[in-house]
């Protein structure tokens, strides 16, 4: 080029003084960052949004899964912290109990909400979150970091709650309302003494299971009433999902009347289903009311801790300095530089325009 524009010199000098990064002007279609490129074109590839502190989250999730597996195999203590104690040498007192006389419903057959429903609920809630994030990506409002935080927060809520529930049940060792019939169906097939006839009549040919190991497992489960696992799990997974919906569609920054109607409807439906699950455990004779209330409170508490330590009140991510990833991207894009050829009567060169 024969001559450099005086405008170019002035603009470059101003940039050096202001220490602003020069970048090509974004087109209107790419103003919002793509899902896989997160906050800028290199964030996903170089992992600039990832921090080592996430390792603690991964460890917490892994520990929750391990705690859940360990708790499932723990034998409850005999001296219950709540309600009557378990005394295997005094079966008559159990057989005559008025507090534990609810009818035993066959596991996963006669229950209103079988245990495998809870695993399906976990999968369905996860699918709901995936659909929500996919919709946001289509609207150019998603990021890899937000997907990471949403799903690992969900996994943390589910895993930590499951571990807390299964590890604490054997400690409290509360007998279930249907424990009397469990004891009759477990012990009576082997009790031949005449003094047991009045209690065991009709139960000797009705074992808890034809498999002795399974029968033992169902009997020991009858000593794990406090607190309700169905209730805690339901309120943790649906509670977290409801909070995620709220951050996106109810109290988030870019909500509308239509999004709020959808969000509140979804939240109401999920929490109503969680309440139904808890109520069914009482009506089925699996738990006392206090078991479900405490279980629901524990689940909600864990869901709230897992969500709010990742997201702000406006639904944006919590990052360093409290600034969300999306807001940080917008801040970086606020000062933009456009480079274009320039020609005039006195020569030609390059012209730069700066926008804020």
Foldseek 3Di string as FASTA:
>chain_A
DPDADPQVVVVVVVCVVVVFDADAADDPVCLFPAAQCFLDNCCNVVVPVDDPVCVVLVVLLVVLQVLLVVLLPDFADQQAQDDDGHDPVCLVCLLPDPQQAAAADQAPPRFPQHPVNLVVVLVVLVVVVVVVQVVCNVVSNHYNVVVVLLVSLLSSLLSNLSSVLSNCQSHNQAAFSNLSLLSLLACVLPDDDPVCCVRNPPRNPPHSDPDNVVSVSVNSLRRRAAADPLLLNLLQNLLLSLVLLCLVEDQADPHDPVSNVVSVVSNVVSVVVSVVSLVSCVVNRGYDNVNNVVSNVNSNVSSVVSRPVAAPRNSFGQDVVRDGSSVVSVVSSQWHKHWDWAADPVGTHIHIDIGD
